[in-house]
Amino acid sequence: MANNATDTRFVVRLHLADFERARQVEDEENEALMAEAAPDHYLFGFSDDELFDILVKPDEWNSYDVSLARHVLRQRGREVSPDTVQLLRRHRVAEMAKPEPSQKTWIVAGYLFAAVGGILGMAIGWHLHYHKKMLSDGTQVRAFSARDRLHGFRILLLGVVGLFVSLLLQLIK
């Protein structure tokens, strides 16, 4: 098990301005690797619709698979322009940027825990109010709707007041 290279991982942190350049470098490297693609690679068995789905959702696939999907479509006579791919990526990012569905269960639980002075209620409120998600283009957006964020802020405040009151009651006893 010692010196086992299978668990080697690299994490590359990029500035937002460098995301597009990094994607271009990946695409150039992938183009060079296409010539070495095995003829029995699993993407060659995908239908055209499945390959287009890979292009629409590149965040769910590695960059090599996305490039190979485009290459396979080209081989099949289904040319996909870089502008089309860019448009598909922008559409996907816009879809991913939409807020999560309403968190009614967490909101109710947050109010209940916060009212009894629970730190858990404050954590739920903080999460609802401040949580962001990172999109595939590197931007961060609020994960929840403005209404849920407002509930999160109220839960957080109620939790602080509830914690203060419960501590005060403990000191009085």
N, C-alpha and C. Protein backbone atom coordinates (compact mmCIF):
# COMPACT_ATOMS: atom_id res chain seq x y z
N MET A 1 0.81 -1.19 0.00
CA MET A 1 0.00 0.00 0.00
C MET A 1 0.86 1.27 0.00
N ALA A 2 2.08 1.16 0.45
CA ALA A 2 2.94 2.34 0.50
C ALA A 2 3.30 2.80 -0.91
N ASN A 3 3.42 4.08 -1.06
CA ASN A 3 3.78 4.70 -2.35
C ASN A 3 2.80 4.33 -3.46
N ASN A 4 1.55 4.14 -3.10
CA ASN A 4 0.52 3.82 -4.07
C ASN A 4 0.07 5.11 -4.76
N ALA A 5 0.32 5.19 -6.02
CA ALA A 5 0.02 6.43 -6.76
C ALA A 5 -1.43 6.55 -7.18
N THR A 6 -2.28 5.57 -6.88
CA THR A 6 -3.67 5.64 -7.33
C THR A 6 -4.49 6.65 -6.53
N ASP A 7 -3.99 7.07 -5.37
CA ASP A 7 -4.76 8.02 -4.60
C ASP A 7 -4.24 9.45 -4.75
N THR A 8 -3.42 9.69 -5.73
CA THR A 8 -2.87 11.01 -5.96
C THR A 8 -3.94 11.90 -6.59
N ARG A 9 -4.13 13.05 -5.97
CA ARG A 9 -5.10 14.03 -6.48
C ARG A 9 -4.46 15.40 -6.48
N PHE A 10 -4.80 16.16 -7.47
CA PHE A 10 -4.34 17.54 -7.53
C PHE A 10 -5.55 18.44 -7.53
N VAL A 11 -5.49 19.47 -6.75
CA VAL A 11 -6.55 20.47 -6.73
C VAL A 11 -5.93 21.76 -7.21
N VAL A 12 -6.50 22.32 -8.25
CA VAL A 12 -6.00 23.56 -8.81
C VAL A 12 -7.01 24.65 -8.50
N ARG A 13 -6.55 25.67 -7.82
CA ARG A 13 -7.41 26.81 -7.51
C ARG A 13 -7.13 27.90 -8.52
N LEU A 14 -8.20 28.43 -9.08
CA LEU A 14 -8.07 29.45 -10.11
C LEU A 14 -8.80 30.72 -9.70
N HIS A 15 -8.26 31.82 -10.18
CA HIS A 15 -9.01 33.07 -10.09
C HIS A 15 -10.12 33.00 -11.12
N LEU A 16 -11.21 33.67 -10.84
CA LEU A 16 -12.36 33.66 -11.74
C LEU A 16 -11.97 34.06 -13.15
N ALA A 17 -11.06 35.01 -13.29
CA ALA A 17 -10.64 35.48 -14.61
C ALA A 17 -9.88 34.41 -15.39
N ASP A 18 -9.33 33.41 -14.70
CA ASP A 18 -8.52 32.39 -15.36
C ASP A 18 -9.30 31.14 -15.77
N PHE A 19 -10.57 31.05 -15.43
CA PHE A 19 -11.35 29.85 -15.73
C PHE A 19 -11.40 29.56 -17.23
N GLU A 20 -11.67 30.59 -18.02
CA GLU A 20 -11.80 30.38 -19.47
C GLU A 20 -10.46 29.96 -20.07
N ARG A 21 -9.39 30.56 -19.65
CA ARG A 21 -8.06 30.18 -20.16
C ARG A 21 -7.73 28.74 -19.77
N ALA A 22 -8.04 28.35 -18.54
CA ALA A 22 -7.79 26.97 -18.10
C ALA A 22 -8.61 25.99 -18.94
N ARG A 23 -9.84 26.36 -19.25
CA ARG A 23 -10.69 25.50 -20.08
C ARG A 23 -10.09 25.36 -21.48
N GLN A 24 -9.54 26.45 -22.02
CA GLN A 24 -8.90 26.40 -23.34
C GLN A 24 -7.68 25.48 -23.31
N VAL A 25 -6.89 25.56 -22.27
CA VAL A 25 -5.71 24.70 -22.14
C VAL A 25 -6.13 23.24 -22.06
N GLU A 26 -7.18 22.97 -21.29
CA GLU A 26 -7.70 21.59 -21.20
C GLU A 26 -8.16 21.11 -22.57
N ASP A 27 -8.89 21.95 -23.28
CA ASP A 27 -9.38 21.57 -24.61
C ASP A 27 -8.23 21.28 -25.57
N GLU A 28 -7.19 22.09 -25.53
CA GLU A 28 -6.03 21.85 -26.40
C GLU A 28 -5.36 20.52 -26.06
N GLU A 29 -5.22 20.24 -24.78
CA GLU A 29 -4.61 18.96 -24.36
C GLU A 29 -5.50 17.78 -24.76
N ASN A 30 -6.79 17.96 -24.62
CA ASN A 30 -7.72 16.88 -24.98
C ASN A 30 -7.69 16.60 -26.48
N GLU A 31 -7.55 17.65 -27.28
CA GLU A 31 -7.45 17.47 -28.73
C GLU A 31 -6.24 16.59 -29.08
N ALA A 32 -5.15 16.79 -28.37
CA ALA A 32 -3.95 15.97 -28.61
C ALA A 32 -4.19 14.52 -28.20
N LEU A 33 -4.98 14.32 -27.16
CA LEU A 33 -5.24 12.96 -26.67
C LEU A 33 -6.27 12.21 -27.53
N MET A 34 -7.03 12.92 -28.33
CA MET A 34 -8.08 12.28 -29.14
C MET A 34 -7.53 11.24 -30.10
N ALA A 35 -6.35 11.50 -30.62
CA ALA A 35 -5.76 10.56 -31.57
C ALA A 35 -5.48 9.22 -30.91
N GLU A 36 -5.32 9.21 -29.59
CA GLU A 36 -5.01 7.99 -28.86
C GLU A 36 -6.25 7.33 -28.28
N ALA A 37 -7.44 7.86 -28.58
CA ALA A 37 -8.68 7.31 -28.02
C ALA A 37 -8.88 5.88 -28.51
N ALA A 38 -9.11 4.98 -27.58
CA ALA A 38 -9.33 3.58 -27.93
C ALA A 38 -10.64 3.44 -28.69
N PRO A 39 -10.67 2.59 -29.72
CA PRO A 39 -11.90 2.44 -30.50
C PRO A 39 -13.04 1.82 -29.70
N ASP A 40 -12.72 1.19 -28.57
CA ASP A 40 -13.77 0.61 -27.74
C ASP A 40 -14.13 1.50 -26.55
N HIS A 41 -13.74 2.79 -26.62
CA HIS A 41 -14.09 3.73 -25.56
C HIS A 41 -15.61 3.79 -25.45
N TYR A 42 -16.11 3.87 -24.23
CA TYR A 42 -17.55 3.78 -24.02
C TYR A 42 -18.35 4.87 -24.71
N LEU A 43 -17.77 6.03 -24.98
CA LEU A 43 -18.53 7.10 -25.63
C LEU A 43 -18.88 6.77 -27.08
N PHE A 44 -18.10 5.90 -27.70
CA PHE A 44 -18.41 5.52 -29.08
C PHE A 44 -19.72 4.74 -29.17
N GLY A 45 -20.18 4.18 -28.05
CA GLY A 45 -21.44 3.46 -28.01
C GLY A 45 -22.63 4.33 -27.67
N PHE A 46 -22.40 5.60 -27.38
CA PHE A 46 -23.49 6.51 -27.02
C PHE A 46 -24.23 6.96 -28.28
N SER A 47 -25.53 7.23 -28.12
CA SER A 47 -26.31 7.78 -29.22
C SER A 47 -25.98 9.26 -29.37
N ASP A 48 -26.41 9.84 -30.49
CA ASP A 48 -26.16 11.27 -30.72
C ASP A 48 -26.81 12.12 -29.63
N ASP A 49 -28.02 11.76 -29.21
CA ASP A 49 -28.70 12.51 -28.16
C ASP A 49 -27.93 12.46 -26.85
N GLU A 50 -27.39 11.29 -26.52
CA GLU A 50 -26.60 11.16 -25.30
C GLU A 50 -25.32 11.98 -25.38
N LEU A 51 -24.71 12.01 -26.55
CA LEU A 51 -23.51 12.82 -26.72
C LEU A 51 -23.81 14.31 -26.62
N PHE A 52 -24.95 14.74 -27.18
CA PHE A 52 -25.35 16.14 -27.05
C PHE A 52 -25.63 16.48 -25.58
N ASP A 53 -26.18 15.51 -24.84
CA ASP A 53 -26.44 15.72 -23.42
C ASP A 53 -25.13 15.96 -22.66
N ILE A 54 -24.06 15.27 -23.06
CA ILE A 54 -22.75 15.51 -22.45
C ILE A 54 -22.31 16.94 -22.72
N LEU A 55 -22.55 17.43 -23.93
CA LEU A 55 -22.17 18.80 -24.26
C LEU A 55 -23.01 19.83 -23.51
N VAL A 56 -24.27 19.49 -23.24
CA VAL A 56 -25.15 20.39 -22.52
C VAL A 56 -24.78 20.44 -21.04
N LYS A 57 -24.32 19.31 -20.49
CA LYS A 57 -24.01 19.22 -19.06
C LYS A 57 -22.53 18.87 -18.84
N PRO A 58 -21.64 19.75 -19.26
CA PRO A 58 -20.21 19.43 -19.13
C PRO A 58 -19.73 19.35 -17.69
N ASP A 59 -20.48 19.97 -16.77
CA ASP A 59 -20.08 19.92 -15.36
C ASP A 59 -20.26 18.54 -14.74
N GLU A 60 -21.00 17.66 -15.42
CA GLU A 60 -21.21 16.31 -14.92
C GLU A 60 -20.21 15.31 -15.50
N TRP A 61 -19.35 15.78 -16.38
CA TRP A 61 -18.39 14.91 -17.06
C TRP A 61 -17.00 15.52 -16.95
N ASN A 62 -15.99 14.70 -17.19
CA ASN A 62 -14.65 15.28 -17.21
C ASN A 62 -14.42 15.93 -18.58
N SER A 63 -13.45 16.80 -18.64
CA SER A 63 -13.24 17.60 -19.86
C SER A 63 -12.87 16.73 -21.06
N TYR A 64 -12.16 15.63 -20.82
CA TYR A 64 -11.80 14.73 -21.92
C TYR A 64 -13.04 14.11 -22.55
N ASP A 65 -13.98 13.67 -21.71
CA ASP A 65 -15.22 13.08 -22.24
C ASP A 65 -16.02 14.10 -23.04
N VAL A 66 -16.04 15.34 -22.58
CA VAL A 66 -16.77 16.38 -23.31
C VAL A 66 -16.12 16.60 -24.68
N SER A 67 -14.80 16.69 -24.70
CA SER A 67 -14.09 16.88 -25.98
C SER A 67 -14.27 15.67 -26.89
N LEU A 68 -14.21 14.48 -26.31
CA LEU A 68 -14.38 13.27 -27.12
C LEU A 68 -15.81 13.17 -27.64
N ALA A 69 -16.80 13.58 -26.86
CA ALA A 69 -18.19 13.57 -27.33
C ALA A 69 -18.34 14.48 -28.54
N ARG A 70 -17.72 15.66 -28.49
CA ARG A 70 -17.76 16.57 -29.63
C ARG A 70 -17.08 15.94 -30.84
N HIS A 71 -15.95 15.26 -30.60
CA HIS A 71 -15.19 14.60 -31.67
C HIS A 71 -16.01 13.47 -32.30
N VAL A 72 -16.66 12.67 -31.49
CA VAL A 72 -17.48 11.56 -32.01
C VAL A 72 -18.64 12.11 -32.84
N LEU A 73 -19.26 13.18 -32.35
CA LEU A 73 -20.34 13.78 -33.13
C LEU A 73 -19.84 14.29 -34.48
N ARG A 74 -18.64 14.88 -34.48
CA ARG A 74 -18.04 15.33 -35.75
C ARG A 74 -17.82 14.16 -36.70
N GLN A 75 -17.32 13.05 -36.16
CA GLN A 75 -17.09 11.86 -36.98
C GLN A 75 -18.39 11.34 -37.59
N ARG A 76 -19.48 11.51 -36.87
CA ARG A 76 -20.78 11.05 -37.35
C ARG A 76 -21.47 12.06 -38.25
N GLY A 77 -20.78 13.16 -38.55
CA GLY A 77 -21.35 14.17 -39.44
C GLY A 77 -22.24 15.16 -38.75
N ARG A 78 -22.19 15.21 -37.45
CA ARG A 78 -23.01 16.15 -36.66
C ARG A 78 -22.09 17.23 -36.10
N GLU A 79 -21.74 18.20 -36.93
CA GLU A 79 -20.81 19.25 -36.53
C GLU A 79 -21.43 20.13 -35.44
N VAL A 80 -20.65 20.39 -34.41
CA VAL A 80 -21.08 21.25 -33.31
C VAL A 80 -20.08 22.39 -33.22
N SER A 81 -20.55 23.60 -33.48
CA SER A 81 -19.65 24.75 -33.48
C SER A 81 -19.27 25.15 -32.05
N PRO A 82 -18.10 25.76 -31.90
CA PRO A 82 -17.71 26.25 -30.56
C PRO A 82 -18.71 27.25 -29.99
N ASP A 83 -19.34 28.05 -30.86
CA ASP A 83 -20.35 29.00 -30.39
C ASP A 83 -21.55 28.28 -29.80
N THR A 84 -21.94 27.17 -30.43
CA THR A 84 -23.06 26.38 -29.92
C THR A 84 -22.71 25.79 -28.56
N VAL A 85 -21.51 25.26 -28.43
CA VAL A 85 -21.06 24.69 -27.16
C VAL A 85 -21.05 25.77 -26.09
N GLN A 86 -20.56 26.95 -26.45
CA GLN A 86 -20.52 28.07 -25.49
C GLN A 86 -21.93 28.46 -25.07
N LEU A 87 -22.86 28.50 -26.01
CA LEU A 87 -24.25 28.83 -25.71
C LEU A 87 -24.86 27.77 -24.80
N LEU A 88 -24.58 26.50 -25.07
CA LEU A 88 -25.09 25.42 -24.23
C LEU A 88 -24.54 25.54 -22.80
N ARG A 89 -23.26 25.88 -22.69
CA ARG A 89 -22.65 26.04 -21.36
C ARG A 89 -23.28 27.20 -20.61
N ARG A 90 -23.51 28.31 -21.31
CA ARG A 90 -24.13 29.47 -20.66
C ARG A 90 -25.55 29.13 -20.18
N HIS A 91 -26.27 28.39 -21.01
CA HIS A 91 -27.63 27.98 -20.64
C HIS A 91 -27.59 27.08 -19.41
N ARG A 92 -26.64 26.17 -19.38
CA ARG A 92 -26.50 25.25 -18.24
C ARG A 92 -26.15 26.02 -16.97
N VAL A 93 -25.26 26.98 -17.06
CA VAL A 93 -24.89 27.79 -15.90
C VAL A 93 -26.10 28.58 -15.41
N ALA A 94 -26.89 29.11 -16.33
CA ALA A 94 -28.09 29.85 -15.94
C ALA A 94 -29.08 28.93 -15.22
N GLU A 95 -29.20 27.69 -15.68
CA GLU A 95 -30.08 26.72 -15.02
C GLU A 95 -29.58 26.39 -13.61
N MET A 96 -28.27 26.21 -13.50
CA MET A 96 -27.69 25.86 -12.20
C MET A 96 -27.75 27.03 -11.23
N ALA A 97 -27.81 28.26 -11.73
CA ALA A 97 -27.83 29.45 -10.88
C ALA A 97 -29.18 29.67 -10.21
N LYS A 98 -30.20 28.98 -10.68
CA LYS A 98 -31.52 29.14 -10.08
C LYS A 98 -31.48 28.65 -8.63
N PRO A 99 -32.23 29.32 -7.75
CA PRO A 99 -32.23 28.92 -6.34
C PRO A 99 -32.84 27.53 -6.15
N GLU A 100 -32.43 26.90 -5.05
CA GLU A 100 -32.98 25.59 -4.69
C GLU A 100 -34.47 25.75 -4.39
N PRO A 101 -35.23 24.64 -4.47
CA PRO A 101 -36.65 24.72 -4.10
C PRO A 101 -36.79 25.17 -2.64
N SER A 102 -37.95 25.68 -2.29
CA SER A 102 -38.19 26.18 -0.94
C SER A 102 -37.88 25.11 0.10
N GLN A 103 -37.23 25.52 1.16
CA GLN A 103 -36.76 24.63 2.22
C GLN A 103 -37.72 24.67 3.42
N LYS A 104 -39.00 24.38 3.18
CA LYS A 104 -40.02 24.53 4.21
C LYS A 104 -39.73 23.71 5.46
N THR A 105 -39.27 22.49 5.29
CA THR A 105 -38.99 21.63 6.44
C THR A 105 -37.87 22.21 7.28
N TRP A 106 -36.80 22.67 6.61
CA TRP A 106 -35.68 23.25 7.34
C TRP A 106 -36.06 24.58 8.00
N ILE A 107 -36.94 25.32 7.36
CA ILE A 107 -37.38 26.59 7.93
C ILE A 107 -38.16 26.34 9.22
N VAL A 108 -39.11 25.40 9.17
CA VAL A 108 -39.90 25.08 10.36
C VAL A 108 -38.99 24.55 11.47
N ALA A 109 -38.09 23.62 11.13
CA ALA A 109 -37.17 23.08 12.12
C ALA A 109 -36.28 24.18 12.68
N GLY A 110 -35.83 25.08 11.84
CA GLY A 110 -34.99 26.18 12.29
C GLY A 110 -35.69 27.07 13.29
N TYR A 111 -36.95 27.42 13.00
CA TYR A 111 -37.70 28.25 13.94
C TYR A 111 -37.90 27.53 15.27
N LEU A 112 -38.23 26.24 15.22
CA LEU A 112 -38.44 25.49 16.46
C LEU A 112 -37.17 25.42 17.30
N PHE A 113 -36.06 25.06 16.67
CA PHE A 113 -34.80 24.95 17.41
C PHE A 113 -34.33 26.31 17.92
N ALA A 114 -34.52 27.33 17.12
CA ALA A 114 -34.08 28.67 17.52
C ALA A 114 -34.91 29.20 18.68
N ALA A 115 -36.21 28.90 18.67
CA ALA A 115 -37.10 29.40 19.73
C ALA A 115 -36.73 28.83 21.09
N VAL A 116 -36.21 27.62 21.14
CA VAL A 116 -35.84 27.02 22.42
C VAL A 116 -34.38 27.30 22.76
N GLY A 117 -33.78 28.21 22.04
CA GLY A 117 -32.41 28.60 22.35
C GLY A 117 -31.36 27.65 21.83
N GLY A 118 -31.72 26.88 20.83
CA GLY A 118 -30.78 25.89 20.31
C GLY A 118 -29.78 26.46 19.33
N ILE A 119 -28.57 26.03 19.47
CA ILE A 119 -27.53 26.44 18.53
C ILE A 119 -27.80 25.83 17.16
N LEU A 120 -28.46 24.69 17.14
CA LEU A 120 -28.81 24.06 15.87
C LEU A 120 -29.71 24.97 15.04
N GLY A 121 -30.64 25.66 15.69
CA GLY A 121 -31.49 26.61 14.99
C GLY A 121 -30.69 27.73 14.37
N MET A 122 -29.69 28.21 15.11
CA MET A 122 -28.82 29.26 14.57
C MET A 122 -28.04 28.74 13.37
N ALA A 123 -27.58 27.51 13.44
CA ALA A 123 -26.83 26.93 12.32
C ALA A 123 -27.72 26.80 11.09
N ILE A 124 -28.96 26.38 11.28
CA ILE A 124 -29.89 26.27 10.15
C ILE A 124 -30.15 27.65 9.57
N GLY A 125 -30.36 28.64 10.42
CA GLY A 125 -30.59 30.01 9.95
C GLY A 125 -29.39 30.54 9.18
N TRP A 126 -28.19 30.30 9.73
CA TRP A 126 -26.98 30.75 9.04
C TRP A 126 -26.87 30.11 7.66
N HIS A 127 -27.13 28.80 7.62
CA HIS A 127 -27.02 28.08 6.34
C HIS A 127 -28.02 28.63 5.32
N LEU A 128 -29.26 28.82 5.74
CA LEU A 128 -30.27 29.33 4.80
C LEU A 128 -29.92 30.73 4.32
N HIS A 129 -29.36 31.54 5.19
CA HIS A 129 -29.09 32.94 4.82
C HIS A 129 -27.81 33.11 4.02
N TYR A 130 -26.75 32.41 4.38
CA TYR A 130 -25.44 32.69 3.80
C TYR A 130 -24.93 31.67 2.79
N HIS A 131 -25.53 30.50 2.69
CA HIS A 131 -24.97 29.45 1.84
C HIS A 131 -24.96 29.86 0.36
N LYS A 132 -23.82 29.60 -0.29
CA LYS A 132 -23.67 29.86 -1.72
C LYS A 132 -23.25 28.57 -2.40
N LYS A 133 -23.54 28.48 -3.67
CA LYS A 133 -23.07 27.34 -4.45
C LYS A 133 -22.19 27.86 -5.57
N MET A 134 -21.18 27.06 -5.89
CA MET A 134 -20.26 27.45 -6.97
C MET A 134 -20.73 26.80 -8.26
N LEU A 135 -20.78 27.60 -9.29
CA LEU A 135 -21.20 27.12 -10.60
C LEU A 135 -19.98 26.63 -11.38
N SER A 136 -20.24 25.96 -12.46
CA SER A 136 -19.15 25.38 -13.24
C SER A 136 -18.25 26.43 -13.89
N ASP A 137 -18.71 27.67 -13.97
CA ASP A 137 -17.87 28.72 -14.54
C ASP A 137 -17.09 29.47 -13.46
N GLY A 138 -17.20 29.02 -12.21
CA GLY A 138 -16.43 29.60 -11.12
C GLY A 138 -17.15 30.67 -10.32
N THR A 139 -18.30 31.12 -10.79
CA THR A 139 -19.04 32.13 -10.04
C THR A 139 -19.79 31.47 -8.88
N GLN A 140 -20.03 32.27 -7.85
CA GLN A 140 -20.80 31.80 -6.71
C GLN A 140 -22.12 32.57 -6.66
N VAL A 141 -23.19 31.84 -6.40
CA VAL A 141 -24.52 32.45 -6.29
C VAL A 141 -25.17 31.95 -5.01
N ARG A 142 -26.10 32.73 -4.50
CA ARG A 142 -26.86 32.31 -3.33
C ARG A 142 -27.63 31.05 -3.67
N ALA A 143 -27.63 30.11 -2.76
CA ALA A 143 -28.26 28.81 -3.03
C ALA A 143 -29.77 28.83 -2.85
N PHE A 144 -30.27 29.75 -2.03
CA PHE A 144 -31.69 29.75 -1.72
C PHE A 144 -32.36 31.04 -2.17
N SER A 145 -33.67 31.00 -2.30
CA SER A 145 -34.42 32.16 -2.75
C SER A 145 -34.35 33.27 -1.71
N ALA A 146 -34.69 34.47 -2.14
CA ALA A 146 -34.65 35.63 -1.23
C ALA A 146 -35.59 35.41 -0.04
N ARG A 147 -36.71 34.77 -0.27
CA ARG A 147 -37.67 34.50 0.81
C ARG A 147 -37.07 33.54 1.83
N ASP A 148 -36.45 32.47 1.36
CA ASP A 148 -35.82 31.51 2.28
C ASP A 148 -34.64 32.14 3.01
N ARG A 149 -33.90 33.01 2.32
CA ARG A 149 -32.78 33.70 2.98
C ARG A 149 -33.29 34.63 4.09
N LEU A 150 -34.43 35.28 3.83
CA LEU A 150 -35.02 36.14 4.85
C LEU A 150 -35.44 35.31 6.07
N HIS A 151 -36.04 34.15 5.81
CA HIS A 151 -36.38 33.25 6.92
C HIS A 151 -35.10 32.84 7.66
N GLY A 152 -34.06 32.56 6.93
CA GLY A 152 -32.79 32.17 7.55
C GLY A 152 -32.26 33.27 8.46
N PHE A 153 -32.35 34.51 8.00
CA PHE A 153 -31.89 35.64 8.83
C PHE A 153 -32.73 35.75 10.09
N ARG A 154 -34.05 35.62 9.94
CA ARG A 154 -34.94 35.69 11.11
C ARG A 154 -34.66 34.54 12.08
N ILE A 155 -34.44 33.35 11.55
CA ILE A 155 -34.12 32.19 12.39
C ILE A 155 -32.82 32.44 13.15
N LEU A 156 -31.84 32.97 12.44
CA LEU A 156 -30.56 33.27 13.07
C LEU A 156 -30.73 34.27 14.21
N LEU A 157 -31.48 35.34 13.98
CA LEU A 157 -31.73 36.33 15.04
C LEU A 157 -32.51 35.72 16.19
N LEU A 158 -33.54 34.95 15.88
CA LEU A 158 -34.33 34.30 16.92
C LEU A 158 -33.46 33.33 17.73
N GLY A 159 -32.57 32.65 17.06
CA GLY A 159 -31.66 31.74 17.75
C GLY A 159 -30.73 32.47 18.70
N VAL A 160 -30.22 33.62 18.29
CA VAL A 160 -29.34 34.41 19.16
C VAL A 160 -30.13 34.88 20.38
N VAL A 161 -31.33 35.39 20.17
CA VAL A 161 -32.17 35.85 21.28
C VAL A 161 -32.53 34.66 22.17
N GLY A 162 -32.92 33.54 21.55
CA GLY A 162 -33.27 32.34 22.33
C GLY A 162 -32.10 31.83 23.14
N LEU A 163 -30.91 31.83 22.57
CA LEU A 163 -29.72 31.38 23.30
C LEU A 163 -29.43 32.33 24.45
N PHE A 164 -29.53 33.64 24.20
CA PHE A 164 -29.30 34.62 25.26
C PHE A 164 -30.29 34.43 26.40
N VAL A 165 -31.58 34.26 26.07
CA VAL A 165 -32.62 34.07 27.09
C VAL A 165 -32.38 32.78 27.86
N SER A 166 -32.04 31.69 27.16
CA SER A 166 -31.82 30.42 27.87
C SER A 166 -30.59 30.51 28.78
N LEU A 167 -29.53 31.19 28.34
CA LEU A 167 -28.36 31.39 29.20
C LEU A 167 -28.72 32.27 30.40
N LEU A 168 -29.52 33.30 30.17
CA LEU A 168 -29.96 34.18 31.26
C LEU A 168 -30.78 33.40 32.27
N LEU A 169 -31.67 32.54 31.81
CA LEU A 169 -32.48 31.71 32.70
C LEU A 169 -31.61 30.75 33.51
N GLN A 170 -30.56 30.22 32.89
CA GLN A 170 -29.64 29.32 33.59
C GLN A 170 -28.88 30.08 34.67
N LEU A 171 -28.52 31.32 34.41
CA LEU A 171 -27.81 32.12 35.40
C LEU A 171 -28.71 32.52 36.56
N ILE A 172 -29.97 32.76 36.27
CA ILE A 172 -30.93 33.14 37.31
C ILE A 172 -31.18 31.97 38.25
N LYS A 173 -31.22 30.75 37.74
CA LYS A 173 -31.48 29.58 38.57
C LYS A 173 -30.40 29.45 39.53
